[in-house]
Amino acid sequence: MTVHKSVLLKETVEALNLKNGSIAVDATLGGGGHSLEILKRISPDGKLIAFDQDERAVEAFRRRVSEDAELKKN
Protein backbone atom coordinates (compact mmCIF):
# COMPACT_ATOMS: atom_id res chain seq x y z
CA MET A 1 0.00 0.00 0.00
CA THR A 2 1.35 3.44 -0.89
CA VAL A 3 1.03 6.39 1.45
CA HIS A 4 -0.05 9.74 0.06
CA LYS A 5 1.93 12.75 1.27
CA SER A 6 0.01 16.01 1.23
CA VAL A 7 1.67 18.65 -0.95
CA LEU A 8 2.12 22.19 0.41
CA LEU A 9 0.27 21.16 3.55
CA LYS A 10 1.55 23.88 5.87
CA GLU A 11 1.25 26.67 3.30
CA THR A 12 -2.26 25.67 2.25
CA VAL A 13 -3.67 25.38 5.75
CA GLU A 14 -1.98 28.58 6.96
CA ALA A 15 -3.47 30.49 4.01
CA LEU A 16 -6.96 29.53 5.18
CA ASN A 17 -6.41 31.55 8.39
CA LEU A 18 -8.44 29.10 10.47
CA LYS A 19 -8.86 29.27 14.21
CA ASN A 20 -10.80 27.55 16.97
CA GLY A 21 -14.48 27.69 16.11
CA SER A 22 -14.06 28.02 12.33
CA ILE A 23 -16.12 25.96 9.90
CA ALA A 24 -14.29 24.29 7.01
CA VAL A 25 -15.29 22.10 4.07
CA ASP A 26 -13.02 19.60 2.32
CA ALA A 27 -14.71 18.23 -0.80
CA THR A 28 -11.72 16.04 -1.71
CA LEU A 29 -10.88 14.25 1.53
CA GLY A 30 -8.67 11.55 0.04
CA GLY A 31 -5.99 10.57 2.56
CA GLY A 32 -7.12 13.31 4.92
CA GLY A 33 -3.78 15.07 5.35
CA HIS A 34 -5.15 18.58 4.87
CA SER A 35 -8.35 17.82 6.77
CA LEU A 36 -6.45 16.49 9.77
CA GLU A 37 -4.40 19.70 10.01
CA ILE A 38 -7.54 21.80 9.52
CA LEU A 39 -9.30 19.89 12.27
CA LYS A 40 -6.40 20.48 14.65
CA ARG A 41 -6.63 24.25 14.05
CA ILE A 42 -10.41 24.57 14.42
CA SER A 43 -10.85 22.23 17.40
CA PRO A 44 -12.42 21.96 19.86
CA ASP A 45 -15.24 24.32 18.84
CA GLY A 46 -14.98 24.22 15.05
CA LYS A 47 -16.68 22.04 12.50
CA LEU A 48 -15.14 20.15 9.60
CA ILE A 49 -17.38 18.92 6.81
CA ALA A 50 -15.39 16.50 4.67
CA PHE A 51 -16.45 14.06 2.00
CA ASP A 52 -15.03 11.90 -0.73
CA GLN A 53 -16.56 9.72 -3.45
CA ASP A 54 -14.66 6.77 -1.97
CA GLU A 55 -16.36 5.69 1.26
CA ARG A 56 -13.18 3.82 2.24
CA ALA A 57 -11.35 7.14 2.37
CA VAL A 58 -14.01 8.56 4.68
CA GLU A 59 -13.87 5.55 6.99
CA ALA A 60 -10.06 5.60 7.04
CA PHE A 61 -10.13 9.28 8.00
CA ARG A 62 -12.58 8.61 10.83
CA ARG A 63 -10.21 5.99 12.22
CA ARG A 64 -7.23 8.29 11.80
CA VAL A 65 -8.97 11.08 13.73
CA SER A 66 -10.05 8.75 16.52
CA GLU A 67 -6.43 7.62 16.98
CA ASP A 68 -4.79 11.07 16.83
CA ALA A 69 -3.30 11.95 20.23
CA GLU A 70 -3.43 15.72 19.65
CA LEU A 71 -7.14 15.66 18.85
CA LYS A 72 -7.89 13.45 21.85
CA LYS A 73 -6.74 16.31 24.10
CA ASN A 74 -9.61 18.47 22.84
PDB file of N, CA and C in Angstrom:
ATOM      1  N   MET A   1       0.841  -1.176   0.000  1.00  0.00           N
ATOM      2  CA  MET A   1       0.000   0.000   0.000  1.00  0.00           C
ATOM      3  C   MET A   1       0.888   1.242   0.000  1.00  0.00           C
ATOM      4  N   THR A   2       0.593   2.198  -0.851  1.00  0.00           N
ATOM      5  CA  THR A   2       1.346   3.439  -0.889  1.00  0.00           C
ATOM      6  C   THR A   2       0.695   4.462   0.030  1.00  0.00           C
ATOM      7  N   VAL A   3       1.518   5.343   0.560  1.00  0.00           N
ATOM      8  CA  VAL A   3       1.026   6.390   1.448  1.00  0.00           C
ATOM      9  C   VAL A   3       1.102   7.708   0.705  1.00  0.00           C
ATOM     10  N   HIS A   4       0.005   8.438   0.718  1.00  0.00           N
ATOM     11  CA  HIS A   4      -0.053   9.739   0.056  1.00  0.00           C
ATOM     12  C   HIS A   4       0.501  10.804   0.986  1.00  0.00           C
ATOM     13  N   LYS A   5       1.398  11.631   0.486  1.00  0.00           N
ATOM     14  CA  LYS A   5       1.930  12.746   1.267  1.00  0.00           C
ATOM     15  C   LYS A   5       1.313  14.032   0.739  1.00  0.00           C
ATOM     16  N   SER A   6       0.659  14.759   1.621  1.00  0.00           N
ATOM     17  CA  SER A   6       0.011  16.011   1.226  1.00  0.00           C
ATOM     18  C   SER A   6       1.050  17.017   0.755  1.00  0.00           C
ATOM     19  N   VAL A   7       0.767  17.670  -0.361  1.00  0.00           N
ATOM     20  CA  VAL A   7       1.666  18.651  -0.947  1.00  0.00           C
ATOM     21  C   VAL A   7       1.299  20.042  -0.431  1.00  0.00           C
ATOM     22  N   LEU A   8       2.299  20.824  -0.095  1.00  0.00           N
ATOM     23  CA  LEU A   8       2.117  22.191   0.406  1.00  0.00           C
ATOM     24  C   LEU A   8       1.141  22.252   1.574  1.00  0.00           C
ATOM     25  N   LEU A   9       1.206  21.268   2.439  1.00  0.00           N
ATOM     26  CA  LEU A   9       0.268  21.162   3.551  1.00  0.00           C
ATOM     27  C   LEU A   9       0.288  22.402   4.438  1.00  0.00           C
ATOM     28  N   LYS A  10       1.445  22.749   4.947  1.00  0.00           N
ATOM     29  CA  LYS A  10       1.551  23.882   5.870  1.00  0.00           C
ATOM     30  C   LYS A  10       1.100  25.180   5.205  1.00  0.00           C
ATOM     31  N   GLU A  11       1.579  25.435   4.001  1.00  0.00           N
ATOM     32  CA  GLU A  11       1.251  26.674   3.298  1.00  0.00           C
ATOM     33  C   GLU A  11      -0.245  26.781   3.006  1.00  0.00           C
ATOM     34  N   THR A  12      -0.832  25.675   2.589  1.00  0.00           N
ATOM     35  CA  THR A  12      -2.257  25.673   2.251  1.00  0.00           C
ATOM     36  C   THR A  12      -3.115  25.937   3.474  1.00  0.00           C
ATOM     37  N   VAL A  13      -2.847  25.230   4.547  1.00  0.00           N
ATOM     38  CA  VAL A  13      -3.665  25.376   5.751  1.00  0.00           C
ATOM     39  C   VAL A  13      -3.457  26.748   6.384  1.00  0.00           C
ATOM     40  N   GLU A  14      -2.229  27.246   6.412  1.00  0.00           N
ATOM     41  CA  GLU A  14      -1.983  28.582   6.963  1.00  0.00           C
ATOM     42  C   GLU A  14      -2.717  29.652   6.170  1.00  0.00           C
ATOM     43  N   ALA A  15      -2.793  29.507   4.850  1.00  0.00           N
ATOM     44  CA  ALA A  15      -3.466  30.492   4.006  1.00  0.00           C
ATOM     45  C   ALA A  15      -4.966  30.575   4.293  1.00  0.00           C
ATOM     46  N   LEU A  16      -5.529  29.526   4.861  1.00  0.00           N
ATOM     47  CA  LEU A  16      -6.959  29.527   5.183  1.00  0.00           C
ATOM     48  C   LEU A  16      -7.276  30.370   6.415  1.00  0.00           C
ATOM     49  N   ASN A  17      -6.254  30.711   7.206  1.00  0.00           N
ATOM     50  CA  ASN A  17      -6.414  31.552   8.392  1.00  0.00           C
ATOM     51  C   ASN A  17      -7.502  31.025   9.331  1.00  0.00           C
ATOM     52  N   LEU A  18      -7.451  29.737   9.607  1.00  0.00           N
ATOM     53  CA  LEU A  18      -8.444  29.095  10.467  1.00  0.00           C
ATOM     54  C   LEU A  18      -8.068  29.239  11.928  1.00  0.00           C
ATOM     55  N   LYS A  19      -9.087  29.229  12.775  1.00  0.00           N
ATOM     56  CA  LYS A  19      -8.857  29.268  14.212  1.00  0.00           C
ATOM     57  C   LYS A  19      -9.951  28.470  14.901  1.00  0.00           C
ATOM     58  N   ASN A  20      -9.802  28.274  16.200  1.00  0.00           N
ATOM     59  CA  ASN A  20     -10.799  27.548  16.967  1.00  0.00           C
ATOM     60  C   ASN A  20     -12.185  28.133  16.691  1.00  0.00           C
ATOM     61  N   GLY A  21     -13.110  27.271  16.373  1.00  0.00           N
ATOM     62  CA  GLY A  21     -14.478  27.690  16.109  1.00  0.00           C
ATOM     63  C   GLY A  21     -14.806  27.900  14.639  1.00  0.00           C
ATOM     64  N   SER A  22     -13.806  27.858  13.768  1.00  0.00           N
ATOM     65  CA  SER A  22     -14.058  28.025  12.333  1.00  0.00           C
ATOM     66  C   SER A  22     -14.815  26.822  11.779  1.00  0.00           C
ATOM     67  N   ILE A  23     -15.448  27.032  10.646  1.00  0.00           N
ATOM     68  CA  ILE A  23     -16.115  25.962   9.905  1.00  0.00           C
ATOM     69  C   ILE A  23     -15.371  25.801   8.585  1.00  0.00           C
ATOM     70  N   ALA A  24     -15.031  24.563   8.240  1.00  0.00           N
ATOM     71  CA  ALA A  24     -14.286  24.293   7.012  1.00  0.00           C
ATOM     72  C   ALA A  24     -14.921  23.135   6.258  1.00  0.00           C
ATOM     73  N   VAL A  25     -14.781  23.166   4.930  1.00  0.00           N
ATOM     74  CA  VAL A  25     -15.292  22.101   4.068  1.00  0.00           C
ATOM     75  C   VAL A  25     -14.143  21.576   3.219  1.00  0.00           C
ATOM     76  N   ASP A  26     -13.996  20.251   3.191  1.00  0.00           N
ATOM     77  CA  ASP A  26     -13.023  19.598   2.318  1.00  0.00           C
ATOM     78  C   ASP A  26     -13.801  18.651   1.416  1.00  0.00           C
ATOM     79  N   ALA A  27     -13.921  19.027   0.153  1.00  0.00           N
ATOM     80  CA  ALA A  27     -14.706  18.234  -0.798  1.00  0.00           C
ATOM     81  C   ALA A  27     -13.880  17.143  -1.471  1.00  0.00           C
ATOM     82  N   THR A  28     -12.602  17.068  -1.137  1.00  0.00           N
ATOM     83  CA  THR A  28     -11.718  16.044  -1.706  1.00  0.00           C
ATOM     84  C   THR A  28     -10.887  15.436  -0.589  1.00  0.00           C
ATOM     85  N   LEU A  29     -11.524  14.757   0.327  1.00  0.00           N
ATOM     86  CA  LEU A  29     -10.881  14.245   1.534  1.00  0.00           C
ATOM     87  C   LEU A  29      -9.660  13.389   1.242  1.00  0.00           C
ATOM     88  N   GLY A  30      -9.800  12.416   0.373  1.00  0.00           N
ATOM     89  CA  GLY A  30      -8.668  11.545   0.036  1.00  0.00           C
ATOM     90  C   GLY A  30      -8.032  10.939   1.266  1.00  0.00           C
ATOM     91  N   GLY A  31      -6.713  11.107   1.414  1.00  0.00           N
ATOM     92  CA  GLY A  31      -5.994  10.571   2.565  1.00  0.00           C
ATOM     93  C   GLY A  31      -6.188  11.365   3.838  1.00  0.00           C
ATOM     94  N   GLY A  32      -6.779  12.529   3.746  1.00  0.00           N
ATOM     95  CA  GLY A  32      -7.121  13.312   4.924  1.00  0.00           C
ATOM     96  C   GLY A  32      -6.014  14.157   5.509  1.00  0.00           C
ATOM     97  N   GLY A  33      -4.900  14.290   4.815  1.00  0.00           N
ATOM     98  CA  GLY A  33      -3.781  15.070   5.351  1.00  0.00           C
ATOM     99  C   GLY A  33      -4.140  16.515   5.638  1.00  0.00           C
ATOM    100  N   HIS A  34      -4.750  17.187   4.669  1.00  0.00           N
ATOM    101  CA  HIS A  34      -5.148  18.577   4.874  1.00  0.00           C
ATOM    102  C   HIS A  34      -6.263  18.670   5.910  1.00  0.00           C
ATOM    103  N   SER A  35      -7.230  17.778   5.823  1.00  0.00           N
ATOM    104  CA  SER A  35      -8.350  17.816   6.767  1.00  0.00           C
ATOM    105  C   SER A  35      -7.897  17.605   8.200  1.00  0.00           C
ATOM    106  N   LEU A  36      -6.940  16.739   8.411  1.00  0.00           N
ATOM    107  CA  LEU A  36      -6.449  16.494   9.768  1.00  0.00           C
ATOM    108  C   LEU A  36      -5.820  17.767  10.337  1.00  0.00           C
ATOM    109  N   GLU A  37      -5.015  18.456   9.544  1.00  0.00           N
ATOM    110  CA  GLU A  37      -4.403  19.704  10.010  1.00  0.00           C
ATOM    111  C   GLU A  37      -5.454  20.787  10.228  1.00  0.00           C
ATOM    112  N   ILE A  38      -6.443  20.846   9.350  1.00  0.00           N
ATOM    113  CA  ILE A  38      -7.538  21.803   9.522  1.00  0.00           C
ATOM    114  C   ILE A  38      -8.267  21.521  10.824  1.00  0.00           C
ATOM    115  N   LEU A  39      -8.579  20.280  11.061  1.00  0.00           N
ATOM    116  CA  LEU A  39      -9.301  19.885  12.269  1.00  0.00           C
ATOM    117  C   LEU A  39      -8.523  20.268  13.527  1.00  0.00           C
ATOM    118  N   LYS A  40      -7.225  20.111  13.498  1.00  0.00           N
ATOM    119  CA  LYS A  40      -6.402  20.484  14.655  1.00  0.00           C
ATOM    120  C   LYS A  40      -6.480  21.984  14.927  1.00  0.00           C
ATOM    121  N   ARG A  41      -6.584  22.792  13.880  1.00  0.00           N
ATOM    122  CA  ARG A  41      -6.632  24.246  14.052  1.00  0.00           C
ATOM    123  C   ARG A  41      -8.007  24.744  14.486  1.00  0.00           C
ATOM    124  N   ILE A  42      -9.066  24.069  14.102  1.00  0.00           N
ATOM    125  CA  ILE A  42     -10.407  24.567  14.416  1.00  0.00           C
ATOM    126  C   ILE A  42     -10.999  23.943  15.673  1.00  0.00           C
ATOM    127  N   SER A  43     -10.353  22.914  16.200  1.00  0.00           N
ATOM    128  CA  SER A  43     -10.852  22.229  17.399  1.00  0.00           C
ATOM    129  C   SER A  43     -10.557  23.061  18.641  1.00  0.00           C
ATOM    130  N   PRO A  44     -11.338  22.927  19.674  1.00  0.00           N
ATOM    131  CA  PRO A  44     -12.415  21.959  19.857  1.00  0.00           C
ATOM    132  C   PRO A  44     -13.799  22.461  19.441  1.00  0.00           C
ATOM    133  N   ASP A  45     -13.909  23.756  19.089  1.00  0.00           N
ATOM    134  CA  ASP A  45     -15.238  24.318  18.839  1.00  0.00           C
ATOM    135  C   ASP A  45     -15.619  24.424  17.372  1.00  0.00           C
ATOM    136  N   GLY A  46     -14.705  24.100  16.468  1.00  0.00           N
ATOM    137  CA  GLY A  46     -14.979  24.224  15.048  1.00  0.00           C
ATOM    138  C   GLY A  46     -15.700  23.022  14.476  1.00  0.00           C
ATOM    139  N   LYS A  47     -15.989  23.130  13.189  1.00  0.00           N
ATOM    140  CA  LYS A  47     -16.683  22.039  12.504  1.00  0.00           C
ATOM    141  C   LYS A  47     -16.014  21.805  11.151  1.00  0.00           C
ATOM    142  N   LEU A  48     -15.699  20.543  10.884  1.00  0.00           N
ATOM    143  CA  LEU A  48     -15.139  20.145   9.596  1.00  0.00           C
ATOM    144  C   LEU A  48     -16.167  19.292   8.876  1.00  0.00           C
ATOM    145  N   ILE A  49     -16.494  19.695   7.672  1.00  0.00           N
ATOM    146  CA  ILE A  49     -17.380  18.916   6.807  1.00  0.00           C
ATOM    147  C   ILE A  49     -16.493  18.393   5.685  1.00  0.00           C
ATOM    148  N   ALA A  50     -16.297  17.087   5.652  1.00  0.00           N
ATOM    149  CA  ALA A  50     -15.389  16.496   4.670  1.00  0.00           C
ATOM    150  C   ALA A  50     -16.062  15.308   4.007  1.00  0.00           C
ATOM    151  N   PHE A  51     -15.889  15.200   2.700  1.00  0.00           N
ATOM    152  CA  PHE A  51     -16.453  14.057   1.997  1.00  0.00           C
ATOM    153  C   PHE A  51     -15.563  13.660   0.837  1.00  0.00           C
ATOM    154  N   ASP A  52     -15.797  12.459   0.363  1.00  0.00           N
ATOM    155  CA  ASP A  52     -15.027  11.895  -0.732  1.00  0.00           C
ATOM    156  C   ASP A  52     -15.926  10.890  -1.439  1.00  0.00           C
ATOM    157  N   GLN A  53     -15.743  10.701  -2.719  1.00  0.00           N
ATOM    158  CA  GLN A  53     -16.557   9.723  -3.447  1.00  0.00           C
ATOM    159  C   GLN A  53     -16.246   8.295  -3.020  1.00  0.00           C
ATOM    160  N   ASP A  54     -15.074   8.095  -2.422  1.00  0.00           N
ATOM    161  CA  ASP A  54     -14.658   6.771  -1.966  1.00  0.00           C
ATOM    162  C   ASP A  54     -14.956   6.633  -0.473  1.00  0.00           C
ATOM    163  N   GLU A  55     -15.961   5.867  -0.137  1.00  0.00           N
ATOM    164  CA  GLU A  55     -16.360   5.687   1.260  1.00  0.00           C
ATOM    165  C   GLU A  55     -15.222   5.115   2.106  1.00  0.00           C
ATOM    166  N   ARG A  56     -14.328   4.354   1.489  1.00  0.00           N
ATOM    167  CA  ARG A  56     -13.177   3.817   2.235  1.00  0.00           C
ATOM    168  C   ARG A  56     -12.274   4.938   2.739  1.00  0.00           C
ATOM    169  N   ALA A  57     -12.150   5.990   1.951  1.00  0.00           N
ATOM    170  CA  ALA A  57     -11.346   7.141   2.375  1.00  0.00           C
ATOM    171  C   ALA A  57     -11.982   7.823   3.578  1.00  0.00           C
ATOM    172  N   VAL A  58     -13.292   7.939   3.568  1.00  0.00           N
ATOM    173  CA  VAL A  58     -14.009   8.562   4.683  1.00  0.00           C
ATOM    174  C   VAL A  58     -13.838   7.728   5.950  1.00  0.00           C
ATOM    175  N   GLU A  59     -14.016   6.435   5.830  1.00  0.00           N
ATOM    176  CA  GLU A  59     -13.868   5.550   6.993  1.00  0.00           C
ATOM    177  C   GLU A  59     -12.431   5.561   7.520  1.00  0.00           C
ATOM    178  N   ALA A  60     -11.464   5.565   6.622  1.00  0.00           N
ATOM    179  CA  ALA A  60     -10.060   5.600   7.041  1.00  0.00           C
ATOM    180  C   ALA A  60      -9.760   6.899   7.787  1.00  0.00           C
ATOM    181  N   PHE A  61     -10.339   7.999   7.325  1.00  0.00           N
ATOM    182  CA  PHE A  61     -10.126   9.279   8.002  1.00  0.00           C
ATOM    183  C   PHE A  61     -10.764   9.273   9.388  1.00  0.00           C
ATOM    184  N   ARG A  62     -11.939   8.705   9.511  1.00  0.00           N
ATOM    185  CA  ARG A  62     -12.583   8.609  10.832  1.00  0.00           C
ATOM    186  C   ARG A  62     -11.688   7.849  11.814  1.00  0.00           C
ATOM    187  N   ARG A  63     -11.109   6.755  11.352  1.00  0.00           N
ATOM    188  CA  ARG A  63     -10.206   5.987  12.215  1.00  0.00           C
ATOM    189  C   ARG A  63      -8.969   6.810  12.577  1.00  0.00           C
ATOM    190  N   ARG A  64      -8.433   7.485  11.586  1.00  0.00           N
ATOM    191  CA  ARG A  64      -7.230   8.295  11.803  1.00  0.00           C
ATOM    192  C   ARG A  64      -7.481   9.384  12.849  1.00  0.00           C
ATOM    193  N   VAL A  65      -8.625  10.034  12.766  1.00  0.00           N
ATOM    194  CA  VAL A  65      -8.973  11.082  13.728  1.00  0.00           C
ATOM    195  C   VAL A  65      -9.145  10.494  15.121  1.00  0.00           C
ATOM    196  N   SER A  66      -9.800   9.355  15.210  1.00  0.00           N
ATOM    197  CA  SER A  66     -10.051   8.749  16.522  1.00  0.00           C
ATOM    198  C   SER A  66      -8.767   8.295  17.204  1.00  0.00           C
ATOM    199  N   GLU A  67      -7.711   8.081  16.432  1.00  0.00           N
ATOM    200  CA  GLU A  67      -6.432   7.620  16.977  1.00  0.00           C
ATOM    201  C   GLU A  67      -5.416   8.745  17.177  1.00  0.00           C
ATOM    202  N   ASP A  68      -5.745   9.969  16.770  1.00  0.00           N
ATOM    203  CA  ASP A  68      -4.794  11.075  16.832  1.00  0.00           C
ATOM    204  C   ASP A  68      -4.689  11.627  18.257  1.00  0.00           C
ATOM    205  N   ALA A  69      -3.511  11.544  18.838  1.00  0.00           N
ATOM    206  CA  ALA A  69      -3.296  11.953  20.231  1.00  0.00           C
ATOM    207  C   ALA A  69      -3.584  13.435  20.446  1.00  0.00           C
ATOM    208  N   GLU A  70      -3.211  14.282  19.498  1.00  0.00           N
ATOM    209  CA  GLU A  70      -3.426  15.723  19.649  1.00  0.00           C
ATOM    210  C   GLU A  70      -4.910  16.062  19.687  1.00  0.00           C
ATOM    211  N   LEU A  71      -5.704  15.401  18.862  1.00  0.00           N
ATOM    212  CA  LEU A  71      -7.140  15.660  18.845  1.00  0.00           C
ATOM    213  C   LEU A  71      -7.835  15.087  20.074  1.00  0.00           C
ATOM    214  N   LYS A  72      -7.289  14.039  20.643  1.00  0.00           N
ATOM    215  CA  LYS A  72      -7.889  13.448  21.849  1.00  0.00           C
ATOM    216  C   LYS A  72      -7.824  14.409  23.027  1.00  0.00           C
ATOM    217  N   LYS A  73      -6.866  15.336  23.011  1.00  0.00           N
ATOM    218  CA  LYS A  73      -6.737  16.309  24.096  1.00  0.00           C
ATOM    219  C   LYS A  73      -7.901  17.285  24.106  1.00  0.00           C
ATOM    220  N   ASN A  74      -8.522  17.485  22.946  1.00  0.00           N
ATOM    221  CA  ASN A  74      -9.608  18.467  22.845  1.00  0.00           C
ATOM    222  C   ASN A  74     -10.871  17.810  23.231  1.00  0.00           C
TER     223      ASN A  74
END
